[in-house]
Each structure stands twice: as structure tokens, then as C-alpha cells.
Protein backbone atom coordinates (compact mmCIF):
# COMPACT_ATOMS: atom_id res chain seq x y z
CA MET A 1 38.24 111.92 -23.25
CA VAL A 2 36.05 110.43 -25.98
CA GLU A 3 37.93 109.53 -29.15
CA THR A 4 36.55 110.77 -32.44
CA TYR A 5 36.66 108.58 -35.54
CA ARG A 6 36.66 109.84 -39.12
CA VAL A 7 33.71 108.41 -41.05
CA THR A 8 34.11 107.64 -44.75
CA ILE A 9 31.33 106.77 -47.15
CA THR A 10 32.26 104.89 -50.32
CA ASP A 11 30.85 105.70 -53.74
CA GLU A 12 28.93 102.42 -53.62
CA VAL A 13 27.22 103.55 -50.41
CA TRP A 14 26.25 106.87 -52.00
CA ASP A 15 24.71 104.71 -54.75
CA ASP A 16 22.82 102.75 -52.08
CA ILE A 17 21.46 105.99 -50.63
CA TYR A 18 20.49 107.21 -54.10
CA ASP A 19 18.66 103.91 -54.80
CA ILE A 20 16.77 104.09 -51.50
CA VAL A 21 15.73 107.70 -52.15
CA ALA A 22 14.71 106.95 -55.75
CA TYR A 23 12.61 103.98 -54.62
CA LEU A 24 10.87 106.04 -51.93
CA ARG A 25 10.23 108.89 -54.37
CA ARG A 26 8.54 106.51 -56.81
CA ASN A 27 6.61 104.48 -54.26
CA VAL A 28 5.95 106.72 -51.26
CA SER A 29 6.61 110.46 -51.52
CA GLU A 30 9.29 113.08 -52.06
CA THR A 31 8.98 114.16 -48.43
CA THR A 32 9.54 110.64 -47.12
CA ALA A 33 12.45 110.12 -49.50
CA GLN A 34 14.21 113.29 -48.32
CA ASN A 35 13.51 112.57 -44.65
CA VAL A 36 15.00 109.09 -44.98
CA ARG A 37 18.05 110.46 -46.83
CA ILE A 38 18.67 113.05 -44.12
CA GLY A 39 18.04 110.50 -41.35
CA ILE A 40 20.51 107.98 -42.78
CA ILE A 41 23.21 110.61 -43.31
CA ASN A 42 22.72 111.96 -39.79
CA GLU A 43 22.99 108.42 -38.42
CA THR A 44 26.33 107.93 -40.19
CA ARG A 45 27.66 111.05 -38.47
CA LYS A 46 26.89 109.52 -35.09
CA LEU A 47 29.46 106.81 -35.86
CA GLU A 48 32.19 109.33 -35.02
CA LYS A 49 31.63 108.43 -31.36
CA PHE A 50 31.77 104.86 -29.98
CA PRO A 51 31.36 102.90 -33.24
CA THR A 52 32.74 99.78 -31.56
CA GLY A 53 29.78 99.73 -29.17
CA LEU A 54 27.36 98.76 -31.93
CA PRO A 55 26.32 95.19 -32.83
CA ILE A 56 28.50 92.89 -34.92
CA VAL A 57 27.33 91.56 -38.29
CA HIS A 58 28.29 87.93 -37.64
CA GLU A 59 27.38 86.78 -41.16
CA ILE A 60 30.32 88.67 -42.69
CA SER A 61 32.72 89.18 -39.78
CA SER A 62 35.83 87.12 -39.15
CA GLU A 63 38.49 87.05 -36.48
CA ASP A 64 40.55 89.51 -38.53
CA GLU A 65 37.77 91.83 -39.71
CA VAL A 66 34.77 92.73 -37.60
CA TYR A 67 31.86 94.44 -39.32
CA ARG A 68 29.22 96.26 -37.32
CA PHE A 69 25.92 97.93 -38.03
CA ALA A 70 23.77 100.83 -36.95
CA LEU A 71 20.05 100.70 -37.52
CA LYS A 72 18.09 103.70 -38.77
CA TRP A 73 14.44 102.83 -39.15
CA LYS A 74 14.45 99.82 -41.49
CA TYR A 75 17.95 100.42 -42.86
CA LYS A 76 21.19 98.80 -41.71
CA ILE A 77 24.31 100.92 -42.02
CA ILE A 78 27.11 98.36 -42.24
CA PHE A 79 30.64 99.48 -41.44
CA PHE A 80 34.16 98.49 -40.52
CA VAL A 81 36.17 100.21 -37.79
CA ASN A 82 39.91 100.66 -38.28
CA GLU A 83 41.24 101.25 -34.77
CA GLU A 84 44.75 102.01 -35.99
CA ASP A 85 43.62 104.91 -38.21
CA LYS A 86 40.58 105.79 -36.07
CA THR A 87 38.33 105.56 -39.13
CA VAL A 88 34.91 104.11 -39.80
CA GLU A 89 34.35 102.91 -43.36
CA ILE A 90 30.71 102.50 -44.24
CA ILE A 91 30.52 99.66 -46.75
CA ALA A 92 26.77 99.37 -47.39
CA ILE A 93 23.30 100.46 -46.47
CA THR A 94 20.72 97.73 -46.81
CA HIS A 95 17.10 97.17 -45.90
CA SER A 96 16.87 95.25 -42.63
CA SER A 97 14.59 92.64 -44.23
CA GLN A 98 17.35 91.59 -46.63
CA HIS A 99 18.36 87.94 -46.15
CA PRO A 100 21.61 87.74 -44.13
CA ASP A 101 23.27 85.52 -46.74
CA ARG A 102 23.14 88.40 -49.24
CA LEU A 103 25.42 90.40 -46.95
CA LYS A 104 28.34 88.14 -47.95
CA ASP A 105 28.30 89.82 -51.37
CA LEU A 106 29.23 93.12 -49.70
CA ILE A 107 32.79 92.20 -48.81
């Protein structure tokens, strides 16, 4: 049987989504902004199943805390899996072109 994890999105991550949508509205189109918003949110829902199968973010992970990411288009959804509670905490959504050293500011 496949275990299901509970996915949580922090207020900071909702701010990230808002910033992405606002940028796309200003610079691309309302349609693109809404499609990206829906796509990112749908991608977070997929983390309910097999979140530990996704790649590790080595720049911010340690032996004690392993951070992973899912990629949706050009956006990295960065998260932490708590196996004890069976939860996935999304900690940030960043553009994939962001320099890896900037990820250290997330934790």
C-alpha cells in the first residue's frame, strides 16, 4: 500500500507564489500567470505520494535534514519530508536559474 503524506505550505511559500504570479501578470500575461499558479499548486499536491523519491538539494541538506525538490517548468518546489509525522513541508518555490548559494538563505 502506498503511504500518503500530508503536504503543508508555509505563508512564505504562498508569498513566493504570489510574487511569481504578480511578475508574470506584469511581464507576460494574466493567462500565463494563472496557468503557472495552477500548475505549481497541482505539483505540490503530487508530493503526497513518494516525496522521498525526488532529488536532494545538496546545497542546503545535511545528515540530519534532507531537503528535496520537485521541478515544475522553471520553478523548484523545495521541501522537507518528516517521515515520523508523514508530512511534507514546502519551504520555498524558486526560479531554477537562481544561484544555488542563495538557497542557503531559505533555511
